[in-house]
Protein backbone atom coordinates (compact mmCIF):
# COMPACT_ATOMS: atom_id res chain seq x y z
CA GLN A 1 4.20 10.68 16.12
CA VAL A 2 2.50 8.56 13.50
CA GLN A 3 3.07 4.83 13.41
CA LEU A 4 2.03 2.55 10.58
CA VAL A 5 1.81 -1.23 10.91
CA GLU A 6 1.43 -3.30 7.77
CA SER A 7 0.25 -6.87 7.47
CA GLY A 8 -1.08 -9.30 4.89
CA GLY A 9 1.97 -10.07 2.81
CA GLY A 10 2.99 -13.57 1.92
CA LEU A 11 3.68 -16.08 -0.81
CA VAL A 12 1.10 -16.57 -3.54
CA GLN A 13 1.02 -18.16 -6.97
CA ALA A 14 0.68 -16.04 -10.07
CA GLY A 15 -2.95 -15.19 -10.66
CA GLY A 16 -3.72 -15.22 -6.97
CA SER A 17 -4.77 -12.45 -4.61
CA LEU A 18 -3.59 -10.83 -1.42
CA ARG A 19 -4.93 -8.01 0.71
CA LEU A 20 -2.49 -5.79 2.52
CA SER A 21 -3.53 -3.78 5.56
CA CYS A 22 -1.95 -0.72 7.12
CA GLU A 23 -3.18 0.38 10.52
CA ALA A 24 -2.30 3.90 11.53
CA SER A 25 -1.98 5.49 14.93
CA GLY A 26 -3.68 8.83 15.25
CA SER A 27 -6.62 10.03 13.23
CA ILE A 28 -6.36 9.29 9.55
CA PHE A 29 -8.50 12.31 8.90
CA SER A 30 -5.34 14.34 9.42
CA PHE A 31 -3.62 12.60 6.53
CA THR A 32 -3.81 14.39 3.21
CA THR A 33 -2.52 11.42 1.26
CA MET A 34 -2.22 7.71 1.97
CA GLY A 35 -0.67 5.19 -0.32
CA TRP A 36 1.45 2.20 -1.06
CA TYR A 37 4.93 1.88 -2.53
CA ARG A 38 6.92 -1.22 -3.33
CA GLN A 39 10.54 -2.13 -3.78
CA ALA A 40 11.68 -5.12 -5.78
CA PRO A 41 15.11 -6.67 -5.19
CA GLY A 42 17.81 -4.52 -6.75
CA LYS A 43 15.36 -1.80 -7.77
CA GLN A 44 14.31 1.57 -6.46
CA ARG A 45 11.17 2.04 -4.44
CA GLU A 46 8.25 2.91 -6.69
CA VAL A 47 4.76 4.20 -6.12
CA VAL A 48 1.93 1.73 -6.45
CA VAL A 49 -1.06 3.91 -5.61
CA GLY A 50 -1.96 7.11 -3.80
CA LEU A 51 -5.27 8.08 -2.22
CA THR A 52 -6.03 11.68 -1.33
CA SER A 53 -8.33 12.81 1.45
CA SER A 54 -10.85 13.83 -1.21
CA GLY A 55 -10.93 10.30 -2.58
CA PHE A 56 -8.81 10.79 -5.66
CA THR A 57 -6.72 7.75 -6.55
CA ASN A 58 -3.66 7.51 -8.74
CA TYR A 59 -2.49 4.03 -9.69
CA ALA A 60 0.73 3.04 -11.37
CA ASP A 61 0.03 1.83 -14.90
CA SER A 62 1.42 -1.59 -14.05
CA VAL A 63 -1.30 -2.26 -11.44
CA LYS A 64 -4.33 -0.51 -12.92
CA GLY A 65 -7.32 -2.80 -13.07
CA ARG A 66 -5.70 -5.31 -10.70
CA PHE A 67 -5.08 -3.41 -7.44
CA THR A 68 -7.56 -1.41 -5.40
CA ILE A 69 -6.87 0.91 -2.50
CA SER A 70 -9.49 1.58 0.15
CA ARG A 71 -9.68 2.81 3.70
CA ASP A 72 -11.78 2.25 6.78
CA ASN A 73 -11.81 5.42 8.84
CA ALA A 74 -13.32 3.71 11.87
CA LYS A 75 -10.49 1.17 11.94
CA LYS A 76 -7.87 3.74 10.93
CA THR A 77 -6.74 1.31 8.29
CA VAL A 78 -5.91 1.54 4.62
CA TYR A 79 -6.02 -1.56 2.46
CA LEU A 80 -4.52 -2.69 -0.80
CA GLN A 81 -6.44 -5.45 -2.54
CA MET A 82 -4.18 -7.11 -5.08
CA ASN A 83 -5.72 -9.43 -7.67
CA SER A 84 -4.29 -11.25 -10.67
CA LEU A 85 -0.84 -11.05 -9.16
CA LEU A 86 2.19 -11.40 -11.40
CA PRO A 87 5.74 -12.45 -10.54
CA GLU A 88 6.85 -8.88 -11.24
CA ASP A 89 4.64 -7.73 -8.37
CA THR A 90 7.12 -9.34 -5.99
CA GLY A 91 8.71 -6.97 -3.53
CA VAL A 92 8.44 -5.30 -0.17
CA TYR A 93 5.30 -3.19 0.07
CA TYR A 94 5.33 -0.07 2.18
CA CYS A 95 2.43 1.95 3.47
CA THR A 96 2.93 5.71 3.62
CA VAL A 97 0.97 8.73 4.76
CA ARG A 98 1.50 12.44 4.42
CA THR A 99 0.10 14.91 6.91
CA ALA A 100 -1.32 18.36 6.32
CA ILE A 101 1.99 19.94 7.34
CA GLY A 102 3.88 17.87 4.82
CA ALA A 103 5.43 15.26 7.08
CA GLN A 104 5.64 11.78 5.55
CA TYR A 105 5.66 8.54 7.48
CA TRP A 106 6.42 4.98 6.42
CA GLY A 107 5.56 1.54 7.67
CA GLN A 108 8.12 -1.19 8.15
CA GLY A 109 7.13 -2.99 4.99
CA THR A 110 5.60 -6.36 4.25
CA GLN A 111 7.00 -8.91 1.82
CA VAL A 112 4.93 -10.05 -1.14
CA THR A 113 6.28 -12.93 -3.20
CA VAL A 114 4.50 -14.13 -6.34
CA SER A 115 5.67 -17.44 -7.75
CA SER A 116 5.32 -18.31 -11.42
């Protein structure tokens, strides 16, 4: 069973930065894809960025140039560095991983609130 624990959310003013962390149980080498989604109030969950095991990244247009995904294999952690935050970035951010057999796991979510 894979468990994901997110941290790093909070309240920040527009233009500020936050770094989200997602620590995974088990070896992250077994994950084919890791990524982040977010869900704003009253909206559907949407993809923010995905990172494949080969290092390919796919960012949502709305965050390109502002957000960066990275991972530390030794710490079994994936990060999301968020810069130049906008009020529309507000939402609950979820970490997700997909294994080689196609199973997908989600973290509990961490709240990000950007004030104008």
